[in-house]
């Protein structure tokens, strides 16, 4: 009997730009020592999970995270990681590297909200991404459809490559990328939650249907 396809999405570990609360989309920075340790803890919790394939975005923070997880895995030796640009985080245009609080206040005001708190409370992810593009002085920031078209191509590539054989597939990506995939497949799960660093979200695919098995799970971490 064919195994179901289980997609193990892992958010990357904490980076220095995360620590300093800077905008980090396509901008990249190394994992902090704390970020490295939490990824190892997640990897140890997944050590017995046998992966048939491993993917990540092509940014350093996800590649480093994926390599650490595979190093902790009992079945990871010889498994080749495939980085793909489709799984990158949202591109924030000229806001990349700016202070997050300042940026979201600016975006909020451009969208007609009094503060970022009101923005977070009243605007959905699509509206916020579209508003960020408008607020970006260069208008280089990705709007939702540009972002989703890119991510969807990577997601479909993985599903099409493995749905016939099934098994566990590791995909190390980014918070906005993972939560939007989950939301598009299961709209009842809102896309405005925050994923923890190195957390695991599992989607299973069987008989043409997706099911969420784990969401933002850190209970498996082993110190």
N, C-alpha and C. Protein backbone atom coordinates (compact mmCIF):
# COMPACT_ATOMS: atom_id res chain seq x y z
N UNK A 1 0.85 -1.20 0.00
CA UNK A 1 0.00 0.00 0.00
C UNK A 1 0.88 1.24 0.00
N UNK A 2 0.57 2.21 -0.88
CA UNK A 2 1.37 3.41 -0.99
C UNK A 2 1.27 4.25 0.28
N UNK A 3 2.40 4.80 0.70
CA UNK A 3 2.42 5.67 1.87
C UNK A 3 1.83 7.02 1.52
N UNK A 4 1.18 7.68 2.49
CA UNK A 4 0.75 9.06 2.24
C UNK A 4 1.98 9.96 2.16
N UNK A 5 1.83 11.08 1.50
CA UNK A 5 2.90 12.07 1.43
C UNK A 5 2.77 13.02 2.61
N UNK A 6 3.82 13.13 3.40
CA UNK A 6 3.82 14.01 4.57
C UNK A 6 4.88 15.09 4.37
N UNK A 7 4.45 16.33 4.31
CA UNK A 7 5.35 17.47 4.11
C UNK A 7 5.67 18.09 5.46
N UNK A 8 6.95 18.01 5.86
CA UNK A 8 7.40 18.56 7.13
C UNK A 8 8.00 19.94 6.88
N UNK A 9 7.20 20.98 7.12
CA UNK A 9 7.68 22.36 6.98
C UNK A 9 8.34 22.81 8.29
N UNK A 10 9.55 23.30 8.19
CA UNK A 10 10.27 23.80 9.36
C UNK A 10 10.67 25.24 9.10
N UNK A 11 10.35 26.13 10.02
CA UNK A 11 10.83 27.51 9.90
C UNK A 11 12.30 27.55 10.33
N UNK A 12 13.07 28.40 9.68
CA UNK A 12 14.49 28.53 10.01
C UNK A 12 14.70 28.99 11.45
N UNK A 13 15.91 28.79 11.95
CA UNK A 13 16.26 29.24 13.29
C UNK A 13 16.42 30.75 13.36
N UNK A 14 16.49 31.27 14.59
CA UNK A 14 16.66 32.71 14.78
C UNK A 14 17.94 33.21 14.11
N UNK A 15 17.84 34.34 13.42
CA UNK A 15 18.99 34.99 12.79
C UNK A 15 19.30 36.29 13.53
N UNK A 16 20.41 36.92 13.13
CA UNK A 16 20.75 38.20 13.75
C UNK A 16 19.74 39.29 13.38
N UNK A 17 19.23 39.27 12.16
CA UNK A 17 18.22 40.27 11.80
C UNK A 17 16.92 40.03 12.57
N UNK A 18 16.59 38.76 12.85
CA UNK A 18 15.46 38.48 13.74
C UNK A 18 15.72 39.08 15.12
N UNK A 19 16.90 38.82 15.64
CA UNK A 19 17.26 39.28 16.99
C UNK A 19 17.20 40.79 17.10
N UNK A 20 17.64 41.48 16.06
CA UNK A 20 17.68 42.93 16.08
C UNK A 20 16.37 43.55 15.61
N UNK A 21 15.38 42.70 15.32
CA UNK A 21 14.04 43.15 14.90
C UNK A 21 14.11 44.03 13.65
N UNK A 22 14.81 43.50 12.65
CA UNK A 22 14.93 44.14 11.35
C UNK A 22 14.11 43.39 10.31
N UNK A 23 13.71 44.09 9.26
CA UNK A 23 12.96 43.47 8.17
C UNK A 23 13.87 42.48 7.44
N UNK A 24 13.41 41.24 7.32
CA UNK A 24 14.23 40.19 6.72
C UNK A 24 13.38 39.34 5.78
N UNK A 25 13.45 39.67 4.52
CA UNK A 25 12.78 38.88 3.50
C UNK A 25 13.84 38.19 2.68
N UNK A 26 14.24 38.84 1.57
CA UNK A 26 15.35 38.31 0.79
C UNK A 26 16.69 38.70 1.39
N UNK A 27 16.72 39.75 2.21
CA UNK A 27 17.93 40.04 2.98
C UNK A 27 18.21 38.83 3.85
N UNK A 28 19.48 38.56 4.11
CA UNK A 28 19.83 37.34 4.81
C UNK A 28 20.85 37.64 5.89
N UNK A 29 20.85 36.85 6.94
CA UNK A 29 21.87 36.96 7.99
C UNK A 29 22.05 35.60 8.64
N UNK A 30 23.19 35.37 9.26
CA UNK A 30 23.47 34.05 9.84
C UNK A 30 22.57 33.74 11.03
N UNK A 31 22.47 32.45 11.34
CA UNK A 31 21.80 32.04 12.56
C UNK A 31 22.61 32.53 13.76
N UNK A 32 21.91 32.96 14.81
CA UNK A 32 22.58 33.27 16.06
C UNK A 32 22.98 31.96 16.75
N UNK A 33 23.87 32.02 17.74
CA UNK A 33 24.17 30.79 18.50
C UNK A 33 22.91 30.18 19.11
N UNK A 34 22.03 31.05 19.63
CA UNK A 34 20.77 30.55 20.19
C UNK A 34 19.92 29.90 19.10
N UNK A 35 19.91 30.52 17.92
CA UNK A 35 19.16 29.97 16.79
C UNK A 35 19.68 28.61 16.37
N UNK A 36 20.99 28.46 16.38
CA UNK A 36 21.59 27.18 16.03
C UNK A 36 21.20 26.10 17.02
N UNK A 37 21.22 26.43 18.30
CA UNK A 37 20.90 25.44 19.33
C UNK A 37 19.44 25.00 19.26
N UNK A 38 18.53 25.94 18.97
CA UNK A 38 17.11 25.57 18.91
C UNK A 38 16.84 24.71 17.68
N UNK A 39 17.56 24.96 16.60
CA UNK A 39 17.42 24.11 15.41
C UNK A 39 17.92 22.69 15.73
N UNK A 40 19.03 22.59 16.43
CA UNK A 40 19.54 21.27 16.81
C UNK A 40 18.54 20.54 17.68
N UNK A 41 17.89 21.26 18.60
CA UNK A 41 16.87 20.66 19.47
C UNK A 41 15.70 20.13 18.65
N UNK A 42 15.30 20.91 17.64
CA UNK A 42 14.23 20.46 16.75
C UNK A 42 14.68 19.25 15.95
N UNK A 43 15.92 19.30 15.46
CA UNK A 43 16.47 18.18 14.70
C UNK A 43 16.54 16.90 15.50
N UNK A 44 16.92 17.02 16.77
CA UNK A 44 16.99 15.82 17.62
C UNK A 44 15.59 15.23 17.82
N UNK A 45 14.59 16.11 17.88
CA UNK A 45 13.23 15.63 18.01
C UNK A 45 12.71 14.94 16.76
N UNK A 46 13.33 15.24 15.63
CA UNK A 46 12.95 14.62 14.35
C UNK A 46 13.93 13.52 13.93
N UNK A 47 14.82 13.15 14.83
CA UNK A 47 15.93 12.25 14.48
C UNK A 47 15.47 10.91 13.92
N UNK A 48 14.34 10.41 14.38
CA UNK A 48 13.85 9.11 13.93
C UNK A 48 12.95 9.19 12.69
N UNK A 49 12.66 10.40 12.23
CA UNK A 49 11.81 10.58 11.05
C UNK A 49 12.64 10.36 9.80
N UNK A 50 12.25 9.41 9.00
CA UNK A 50 13.00 9.10 7.77
C UNK A 50 12.46 9.94 6.62
N UNK A 51 13.29 10.83 6.10
CA UNK A 51 12.90 11.69 4.99
C UNK A 51 13.35 11.08 3.67
N UNK A 52 12.47 11.17 2.68
CA UNK A 52 12.82 10.67 1.35
C UNK A 52 13.42 11.78 0.48
N UNK A 53 13.24 13.03 0.91
CA UNK A 53 13.78 14.17 0.17
C UNK A 53 13.84 15.36 1.10
N UNK A 54 14.70 16.32 0.76
CA UNK A 54 14.85 17.52 1.58
C UNK A 54 14.99 18.75 0.69
N UNK A 55 14.19 19.77 0.99
CA UNK A 55 14.20 21.03 0.24
C UNK A 55 14.35 22.19 1.22
N UNK A 56 14.78 23.32 0.70
CA UNK A 56 14.80 24.56 1.47
C UNK A 56 14.68 25.72 0.50
N UNK A 57 14.50 26.92 1.02
CA UNK A 57 14.67 28.08 0.16
C UNK A 57 16.17 28.20 -0.14
N UNK A 58 16.53 29.09 -1.05
CA UNK A 58 17.95 29.21 -1.41
C UNK A 58 18.67 30.26 -0.59
N UNK A 59 18.05 30.73 0.50
CA UNK A 59 18.70 31.69 1.39
C UNK A 59 19.50 30.95 2.46
N UNK A 60 20.58 31.60 2.90
CA UNK A 60 21.53 30.93 3.80
C UNK A 60 20.87 30.42 5.07
N UNK A 61 19.95 31.20 5.64
CA UNK A 61 19.39 30.82 6.94
C UNK A 61 18.58 29.53 6.87
N UNK A 62 17.94 29.28 5.73
CA UNK A 62 17.18 28.03 5.60
C UNK A 62 18.09 26.86 5.23
N UNK A 63 19.09 27.13 4.41
CA UNK A 63 20.05 26.07 4.06
C UNK A 63 20.78 25.60 5.31
N UNK A 64 21.25 26.57 6.14
CA UNK A 64 21.96 26.22 7.38
C UNK A 64 21.06 25.44 8.32
N UNK A 65 19.80 25.85 8.41
CA UNK A 65 18.84 25.14 9.27
C UNK A 65 18.61 23.71 8.78
N UNK A 66 18.40 23.56 7.48
CA UNK A 66 18.16 22.23 6.92
C UNK A 66 19.36 21.31 7.14
N UNK A 67 20.56 21.84 6.94
CA UNK A 67 21.77 21.02 7.12
C UNK A 67 21.93 20.57 8.56
N UNK A 68 21.59 21.44 9.51
CA UNK A 68 21.67 21.07 10.93
C UNK A 68 20.65 19.99 11.26
N UNK A 69 19.44 20.10 10.73
CA UNK A 69 18.41 19.10 10.99
C UNK A 69 18.81 17.75 10.40
N UNK A 70 19.33 17.76 9.19
CA UNK A 70 19.74 16.50 8.56
C UNK A 70 20.93 15.87 9.28
N UNK A 71 21.80 16.72 9.82
CA UNK A 71 22.95 16.20 10.58
C UNK A 71 22.50 15.46 11.84
N UNK A 72 21.42 15.93 12.44
CA UNK A 72 20.88 15.28 13.65
C UNK A 72 20.06 14.04 13.32
N UNK A 73 19.68 13.89 12.05
CA UNK A 73 18.76 12.82 11.66
C UNK A 73 19.47 11.49 11.50
N UNK A 74 18.89 10.43 12.03
CA UNK A 74 19.50 9.10 11.97
C UNK A 74 19.50 8.53 10.55
N UNK A 75 18.65 9.08 9.68
CA UNK A 75 18.54 8.58 8.32
C UNK A 75 19.01 9.63 7.29
N UNK A 76 19.60 10.73 7.79
CA UNK A 76 19.89 11.85 6.92
C UNK A 76 21.17 11.74 6.11
N UNK A 77 22.03 10.78 6.45
CA UNK A 77 23.31 10.67 5.75
C UNK A 77 23.08 10.36 4.27
N UNK A 78 23.69 11.16 3.41
CA UNK A 78 23.58 10.94 1.97
C UNK A 78 22.37 11.56 1.33
N UNK A 79 21.47 12.12 2.13
CA UNK A 79 20.29 12.77 1.56
C UNK A 79 20.67 14.15 1.06
N UNK A 80 20.46 14.42 -0.21
CA UNK A 80 20.90 15.67 -0.81
C UNK A 80 19.84 16.75 -0.65
N UNK A 81 20.26 17.90 -0.12
CA UNK A 81 19.36 19.04 0.04
C UNK A 81 19.22 19.76 -1.29
N UNK A 82 17.97 20.11 -1.64
CA UNK A 82 17.70 20.86 -2.87
C UNK A 82 17.17 22.25 -2.53
N UNK A 83 18.01 23.28 -2.56
CA UNK A 83 17.53 24.65 -2.33
C UNK A 83 16.75 25.15 -3.54
N UNK A 84 15.62 25.84 -3.29
CA UNK A 84 14.79 26.35 -4.37
C UNK A 84 14.38 27.79 -4.05
N UNK A 85 14.55 28.67 -5.03
CA UNK A 85 14.23 30.09 -4.82
C UNK A 85 12.75 30.32 -4.59
N UNK A 86 11.90 29.40 -5.06
CA UNK A 86 10.45 29.58 -4.89
C UNK A 86 10.03 29.63 -3.43
N UNK A 87 10.82 29.02 -2.54
CA UNK A 87 10.46 28.95 -1.13
C UNK A 87 11.03 30.12 -0.32
N UNK A 88 11.55 31.15 -1.00
CA UNK A 88 12.04 32.33 -0.28
C UNK A 88 10.91 33.02 0.49
N UNK A 89 11.34 33.82 1.47
CA UNK A 89 10.41 34.68 2.19
C UNK A 89 9.91 35.80 1.27
N UNK A 90 8.89 36.51 1.69
CA UNK A 90 8.40 37.69 0.97
C UNK A 90 9.55 38.68 0.78
N UNK A 91 9.58 39.33 -0.39
CA UNK A 91 10.57 40.38 -0.64
C UNK A 91 9.96 41.71 -0.20
N UNK A 92 10.66 42.42 0.69
CA UNK A 92 10.16 43.68 1.23
C UNK A 92 10.73 44.92 0.54
N UNK A 93 11.37 44.72 -0.61
CA UNK A 93 11.86 45.85 -1.38
C UNK A 93 12.84 46.72 -0.62
N UNK A 94 12.66 48.03 -0.68
CA UNK A 94 13.62 48.94 -0.05
C UNK A 94 13.51 48.94 1.48
N UNK A 95 12.51 48.24 2.02
CA UNK A 95 12.40 48.11 3.47
C UNK A 95 13.32 47.04 4.04
N UNK A 96 13.94 46.24 3.19
CA UNK A 96 14.82 45.17 3.67
C UNK A 96 15.91 45.75 4.58
N UNK A 97 16.04 45.17 5.77
CA UNK A 97 17.07 45.60 6.72
C UNK A 97 16.66 46.76 7.61
N UNK A 98 15.52 47.40 7.34
CA UNK A 98 15.06 48.51 8.18
C UNK A 98 14.46 47.97 9.48
N UNK A 99 14.33 48.85 10.46
CA UNK A 99 13.70 48.46 11.73
C UNK A 99 12.26 48.05 11.47
N UNK A 100 11.87 46.90 11.98
CA UNK A 100 10.52 46.37 11.72
C UNK A 100 9.43 47.30 12.24
N UNK A 101 9.59 47.80 13.47
CA UNK A 101 8.56 48.65 14.07
C UNK A 101 8.33 49.90 13.23
N UNK A 102 9.42 50.54 12.81
CA UNK A 102 9.31 51.75 12.00
C UNK A 102 8.65 51.45 10.66
N UNK A 103 9.03 50.33 10.04
CA UNK A 103 8.47 49.97 8.74
C UNK A 103 6.97 49.73 8.82
N UNK A 104 6.53 48.95 9.80
CA UNK A 104 5.11 48.62 9.88
C UNK A 104 4.27 49.82 10.27
N UNK A 105 4.84 50.74 11.05
CA UNK A 105 4.14 52.00 11.33
C UNK A 105 3.93 52.79 10.04
N UNK A 106 4.97 52.83 9.21
CA UNK A 106 4.88 53.55 7.94
C UNK A 106 3.85 52.91 7.01
N UNK A 107 3.90 51.57 6.92
CA UNK A 107 2.94 50.86 6.08
C UNK A 107 1.52 51.09 6.59
N UNK A 108 1.34 51.03 7.91
CA UNK A 108 0.02 51.23 8.50
C UNK A 108 -0.54 52.59 8.12
N UNK A 109 0.27 53.63 8.27
CA UNK A 109 -0.21 54.98 7.96
C UNK A 109 -0.52 55.12 6.48
N UNK A 110 0.28 54.49 5.63
CA UNK A 110 0.03 54.55 4.19
C UNK A 110 -1.29 53.86 3.84
N UNK A 111 -1.67 52.87 4.64
CA UNK A 111 -2.91 52.13 4.40
C UNK A 111 -4.11 52.76 5.11
N UNK A 112 -3.87 53.85 5.83
CA UNK A 112 -4.96 54.55 6.49
C UNK A 112 -5.24 54.13 7.91
N UNK A 113 -4.31 53.38 8.53
CA UNK A 113 -4.48 52.97 9.92
C UNK A 113 -3.67 53.88 10.83
N UNK A 114 -4.11 53.98 12.07
CA UNK A 114 -3.45 54.88 13.02
C UNK A 114 -2.12 54.34 13.52
N UNK A 115 -1.99 53.02 13.53
CA UNK A 115 -0.78 52.40 14.08
C UNK A 115 -0.61 51.00 13.52
N UNK A 116 0.56 50.42 13.77
CA UNK A 116 0.77 49.04 13.33
C UNK A 116 -0.15 48.08 14.09
N UNK A 117 -0.50 48.43 15.34
CA UNK A 117 -1.42 47.59 16.11
C UNK A 117 -2.78 47.51 15.41
N UNK A 118 -3.25 48.65 14.90
CA UNK A 118 -4.52 48.65 14.18
C UNK A 118 -4.39 47.90 12.85
N UNK A 119 -3.24 48.05 12.20
CA UNK A 119 -2.98 47.30 10.97
C UNK A 119 -3.08 45.81 11.22
N UNK A 120 -2.39 45.33 12.26
CA UNK A 120 -2.39 43.90 12.58
C UNK A 120 -3.81 43.42 12.92
N UNK A 121 -4.60 44.28 13.55
CA UNK A 121 -5.93 43.88 14.00
C UNK A 121 -6.96 43.86 12.87
N UNK A 122 -6.79 44.73 11.88
CA UNK A 122 -7.86 44.92 10.89
C UNK A 122 -7.53 44.45 9.47
N UNK A 123 -6.25 44.37 9.12
CA UNK A 123 -5.88 44.00 7.75
C UNK A 123 -5.45 42.54 7.70
N UNK A 124 -5.87 41.84 6.63
CA UNK A 124 -5.40 40.46 6.47
C UNK A 124 -4.04 40.45 5.77
N UNK A 125 -3.48 39.26 5.62
CA UNK A 125 -2.13 39.14 5.07
C UNK A 125 -2.06 39.67 3.64
N UNK A 126 -3.05 39.35 2.83
CA UNK A 126 -3.06 39.83 1.45
C UNK A 126 -3.05 41.35 1.39
N UNK A 127 -3.94 41.96 2.18
CA UNK A 127 -4.03 43.42 2.19
C UNK A 127 -2.72 44.05 2.67
N UNK A 128 -2.10 43.43 3.67
CA UNK A 128 -0.86 43.97 4.21
C UNK A 128 0.27 43.88 3.19
N UNK A 129 0.37 42.76 2.49
CA UNK A 129 1.41 42.61 1.48
C UNK A 129 1.21 43.58 0.33
N UNK A 130 -0.03 43.73 -0.10
CA UNK A 130 -0.32 44.69 -1.17
C UNK A 130 -0.04 46.12 -0.72
N UNK A 131 -0.38 46.41 0.54
CA UNK A 131 -0.12 47.74 1.09
C UNK A 131 1.36 48.02 1.25
N UNK A 132 2.14 46.98 1.55
CA UNK A 132 3.59 47.16 1.68
C UNK A 132 4.21 47.54 0.35
N UNK A 133 3.74 46.94 -0.72
CA UNK A 133 4.25 47.29 -2.06
C UNK A 133 3.96 48.76 -2.38
N UNK A 134 2.75 49.20 -2.03
CA UNK A 134 2.38 50.59 -2.28
C UNK A 134 3.23 51.53 -1.43
N UNK A 135 3.45 51.16 -0.16
CA UNK A 135 4.21 52.02 0.75
C UNK A 135 5.70 52.07 0.43
N UNK A 136 6.23 51.01 -0.18
CA UNK A 136 7.65 50.96 -0.54
C UNK A 136 7.93 52.05 -1.58
N UNK A 137 8.83 52.98 -1.29
CA UNK A 137 9.11 54.07 -2.23
C UNK A 137 9.54 53.58 -3.62
N UNK A 138 10.16 52.40 -3.68
CA UNK A 138 10.59 51.85 -4.97
C UNK A 138 9.53 50.96 -5.60
N UNK A 139 8.52 50.58 -4.82
CA UNK A 139 7.47 49.64 -5.23
C UNK A 139 8.04 48.29 -5.68
N UNK A 140 9.21 47.95 -5.14
CA UNK A 140 9.83 46.65 -5.45
C UNK A 140 9.32 45.53 -4.55
N UNK A 141 8.72 45.89 -3.42
CA UNK A 141 8.20 44.86 -2.51
C UNK A 141 7.17 44.00 -3.23
N UNK A 142 7.13 42.72 -2.88
CA UNK A 142 6.18 41.81 -3.52
C UNK A 142 4.75 42.06 -3.04
N UNK A 143 3.81 42.11 -3.98
CA UNK A 143 2.41 42.05 -3.59
C UNK A 143 2.04 40.58 -3.41
N UNK A 144 0.81 40.33 -2.95
CA UNK A 144 0.46 38.96 -2.60
C UNK A 144 0.52 38.03 -3.80
N UNK A 145 -0.05 38.43 -4.93
CA UNK A 145 -0.14 37.51 -6.06
C UNK A 145 1.24 37.19 -6.63
N UNK A 146 2.16 38.15 -6.63
CA UNK A 146 3.53 37.87 -7.08
C UNK A 146 4.19 36.85 -6.16
N UNK A 147 4.03 37.09 -4.86
CA UNK A 147 4.57 36.18 -3.85
C UNK A 147 3.96 34.78 -3.99
N UNK A 148 2.62 34.69 -4.05
CA UNK A 148 1.97 33.39 -4.05
C UNK A 148 2.24 32.61 -5.34
N UNK A 149 2.29 33.28 -6.47
CA UNK A 149 2.60 32.59 -7.72
C UNK A 149 3.96 31.91 -7.62
N UNK A 150 4.92 32.60 -7.03
CA UNK A 150 6.27 32.04 -6.86
C UNK A 150 6.25 30.83 -5.94
N UNK A 151 5.66 31.00 -4.76
CA UNK A 151 5.65 29.94 -3.76
C UNK A 151 4.87 28.72 -4.26
N UNK A 152 3.76 28.97 -4.93
CA UNK A 152 2.93 27.87 -5.43
C UNK A 152 3.70 26.99 -6.41
N UNK A 153 4.54 27.60 -7.23
CA UNK A 153 5.32 26.82 -8.19
C UNK A 153 6.25 25.84 -7.48
N UNK A 154 6.89 26.29 -6.42
CA UNK A 154 7.76 25.40 -5.65
C UNK A 154 6.98 24.30 -4.96
N UNK A 155 5.84 24.67 -4.38
CA UNK A 155 5.00 23.69 -3.69
C UNK A 155 4.51 22.61 -4.64
N UNK A 156 4.03 23.02 -5.81
CA UNK A 156 3.54 22.04 -6.79
C UNK A 156 4.67 21.15 -7.30
N UNK A 157 5.87 21.71 -7.43
CA UNK A 157 7.01 20.90 -7.85
C UNK A 157 7.24 19.75 -6.86
N UNK A 158 7.22 20.06 -5.58
CA UNK A 158 7.46 19.04 -4.55
C UNK A 158 6.33 18.01 -4.55
N UNK A 159 5.09 18.45 -4.56
CA UNK A 159 3.95 17.53 -4.53
C UNK A 159 3.96 16.61 -5.75
N UNK A 160 4.19 17.18 -6.92
CA UNK A 160 4.20 16.37 -8.14
C UNK A 160 5.35 15.37 -8.17
N UNK A 161 6.48 15.74 -7.55
CA UNK A 161 7.64 14.86 -7.54
C UNK A 161 7.46 13.67 -6.60
N UNK A 162 6.61 13.80 -5.58
CA UNK A 162 6.58 12.77 -4.53
C UNK A 162 5.19 12.19 -4.24
N UNK A 163 4.14 12.66 -4.88
CA UNK A 163 2.82 12.18 -4.50
C UNK A 163 2.58 10.72 -4.88
N UNK A 164 3.27 10.22 -5.90
CA UNK A 164 3.06 8.83 -6.31
C UNK A 164 3.75 7.84 -5.38
N UNK A 165 4.89 8.25 -4.84
CA UNK A 165 5.66 7.35 -3.97
C UNK A 165 5.39 7.60 -2.49
N UNK A 166 4.99 8.83 -2.14
CA UNK A 166 4.71 9.14 -0.75
C UNK A 166 5.97 9.23 0.09
N UNK A 167 5.79 9.20 1.41
CA UNK A 167 6.91 9.32 2.33
C UNK A 167 6.99 10.70 2.94
N UNK A 168 8.01 10.90 3.78
CA UNK A 168 8.20 12.16 4.50
C UNK A 168 9.17 13.07 3.73
N UNK A 169 8.77 14.31 3.51
CA UNK A 169 9.60 15.27 2.80
C UNK A 169 9.84 16.47 3.70
N UNK A 170 11.10 16.85 3.87
CA UNK A 170 11.48 18.01 4.67
C UNK A 170 11.53 19.25 3.78
N UNK A 171 10.88 20.33 4.24
CA UNK A 171 10.94 21.61 3.53
C UNK A 171 11.24 22.70 4.56
N UNK A 172 12.44 23.25 4.52
CA UNK A 172 12.81 24.32 5.45
C UNK A 172 12.60 25.66 4.74
N UNK A 173 11.74 26.48 5.32
CA UNK A 173 11.37 27.73 4.66
C UNK A 173 11.20 28.84 5.70
N UNK A 174 10.29 29.76 5.43
CA UNK A 174 10.15 30.99 6.21
C UNK A 174 8.73 31.12 6.74
N UNK A 175 8.58 31.97 7.76
CA UNK A 175 7.29 32.10 8.42
C UNK A 175 6.15 32.44 7.49
N UNK A 176 6.31 33.51 6.71
CA UNK A 176 5.23 33.94 5.83
C UNK A 176 4.96 32.91 4.73
N UNK A 177 6.01 32.29 4.25
CA UNK A 177 5.88 31.27 3.20
C UNK A 177 5.07 30.08 3.70
N UNK A 178 5.44 29.56 4.86
CA UNK A 178 4.77 28.38 5.40
C UNK A 178 3.32 28.66 5.76
N UNK A 179 3.08 29.76 6.46
CA UNK A 179 1.71 30.01 6.91
C UNK A 179 0.77 30.31 5.75
N UNK A 180 1.28 30.89 4.67
CA UNK A 180 0.41 31.13 3.52
C UNK A 180 0.10 29.84 2.77
N UNK A 181 1.04 28.91 2.71
CA UNK A 181 0.76 27.60 2.13
C UNK A 181 -0.34 26.91 2.93
N UNK A 182 -0.19 26.93 4.25
CA UNK A 182 -1.19 26.31 5.13
C UNK A 182 -2.56 26.96 4.92
N UNK A 183 -2.59 28.29 4.90
CA UNK A 183 -3.86 29.01 4.77
C UNK A 183 -4.53 28.73 3.43
N UNK A 184 -3.75 28.68 2.36
CA UNK A 184 -4.34 28.45 1.04
C UNK A 184 -4.94 27.04 0.94
N UNK A 185 -4.34 26.09 1.65
CA UNK A 185 -4.85 24.71 1.61
C UNK A 185 -5.95 24.48 2.64
N UNK A 186 -5.92 25.23 3.73
CA UNK A 186 -6.93 25.10 4.77
C UNK A 186 -7.31 26.51 5.24
N UNK A 187 -8.25 27.16 4.53
CA UNK A 187 -8.60 28.55 4.81
C UNK A 187 -9.09 28.82 6.24
N UNK A 188 -9.55 27.78 6.93
CA UNK A 188 -10.00 27.97 8.31
C UNK A 188 -8.85 28.33 9.24
N UNK A 189 -7.61 28.01 8.82
CA UNK A 189 -6.43 28.40 9.58
C UNK A 189 -5.99 29.77 9.08
N UNK A 190 -6.16 30.80 9.90
CA UNK A 190 -5.83 32.15 9.50
C UNK A 190 -4.32 32.29 9.29
N UNK A 191 -3.95 33.20 8.40
CA UNK A 191 -2.54 33.37 8.05
C UNK A 191 -1.86 34.45 8.86
N UNK A 192 -2.47 34.87 9.98
CA UNK A 192 -1.91 35.96 10.76
C UNK A 192 -1.21 35.50 12.04
N UNK A 193 -0.99 34.19 12.19
CA UNK A 193 -0.28 33.70 13.36
C UNK A 193 1.23 33.76 13.11
N UNK A 194 2.00 33.75 14.18
CA UNK A 194 3.45 33.80 14.08
C UNK A 194 4.02 32.40 14.30
N UNK A 195 4.86 31.95 13.38
CA UNK A 195 5.51 30.66 13.54
C UNK A 195 6.78 30.81 14.38
N UNK A 196 6.97 29.91 15.31
CA UNK A 196 8.19 29.92 16.12
C UNK A 196 9.37 29.44 15.28
N UNK A 197 10.56 29.95 15.61
CA UNK A 197 11.77 29.48 14.94
C UNK A 197 11.95 27.99 15.17
N UNK A 198 12.26 27.26 14.09
CA UNK A 198 12.53 25.82 14.11
C UNK A 198 11.29 24.98 14.41
N UNK A 199 10.11 25.61 14.42
CA UNK A 199 8.88 24.86 14.65
C UNK A 199 8.55 23.99 13.44
N UNK A 200 7.73 22.97 13.67
CA UNK A 200 7.35 22.02 12.62
C UNK A 200 5.85 22.12 12.34
N UNK A 201 5.52 22.19 11.06
CA UNK A 201 4.13 22.13 10.60
C UNK A 201 4.06 21.01 9.57
N UNK A 202 3.16 20.08 9.76
CA UNK A 202 3.08 18.90 8.89
C UNK A 202 1.75 18.88 8.13
N UNK A 203 1.86 18.78 6.81
CA UNK A 203 0.70 18.60 5.94
C UNK A 203 0.79 17.21 5.30
N UNK A 204 -0.28 16.44 5.37
CA UNK A 204 -0.29 15.15 4.69
C UNK A 204 -1.18 15.25 3.45
N UNK A 205 -0.78 14.51 2.43
CA UNK A 205 -1.52 14.49 1.16
C UNK A 205 -1.86 13.04 0.83
N UNK A 206 -3.16 12.78 0.71
CA UNK A 206 -3.60 11.42 0.41
C UNK A 206 -4.94 11.49 -0.32
N UNK A 207 -5.05 10.75 -1.40
CA UNK A 207 -6.28 10.71 -2.21
C UNK A 207 -6.72 12.10 -2.65
N UNK A 208 -5.74 12.92 -2.99
CA UNK A 208 -6.03 14.25 -3.52
C UNK A 208 -6.39 15.30 -2.49
N UNK A 209 -6.29 14.95 -1.20
CA UNK A 209 -6.67 15.88 -0.14
C UNK A 209 -5.51 16.16 0.80
N UNK A 210 -5.42 17.41 1.27
CA UNK A 210 -4.42 17.80 2.25
C UNK A 210 -5.05 17.87 3.64
N UNK A 211 -4.29 17.48 4.64
CA UNK A 211 -4.75 17.55 6.02
C UNK A 211 -3.61 18.07 6.90
N UNK A 212 -3.94 18.97 7.81
CA UNK A 212 -2.94 19.50 8.74
C UNK A 212 -2.81 18.55 9.92
N UNK A 213 -1.63 18.01 10.09
CA UNK A 213 -1.37 17.08 11.20
C UNK A 213 -0.73 17.79 12.40
N UNK A 214 0.15 18.75 12.12
CA UNK A 214 0.82 19.51 13.18
C UNK A 214 0.94 20.95 12.70
N UNK A 215 0.80 21.89 13.62
CA UNK A 215 0.88 23.30 13.26
C UNK A 215 1.73 24.05 14.29
N UNK A 216 2.83 24.64 13.83
CA UNK A 216 3.72 25.41 14.70
C UNK A 216 4.11 24.61 15.95
N UNK A 217 4.48 23.37 15.74
CA UNK A 217 4.75 22.44 16.84
C UNK A 217 6.20 22.54 17.30
N UNK A 218 6.39 22.75 18.59
CA UNK A 218 7.74 22.74 19.18
C UNK A 218 7.84 21.70 20.30
N UNK A 219 6.78 20.89 20.47
CA UNK A 219 6.75 19.94 21.58
C UNK A 219 7.79 18.83 21.42
N UNK A 220 8.32 18.65 20.21
CA UNK A 220 9.28 17.57 19.96
C UNK A 220 10.72 17.99 20.29
N UNK A 221 10.94 19.26 20.62
CA UNK A 221 12.31 19.74 20.86
C UNK A 221 12.97 18.91 21.97
N UNK A 222 14.19 18.48 21.71
CA UNK A 222 14.97 17.75 22.72
C UNK A 222 16.24 18.53 23.01
N UNK A 223 16.38 18.98 24.24
CA UNK A 223 17.53 19.80 24.63
C UNK A 223 18.81 19.02 24.77
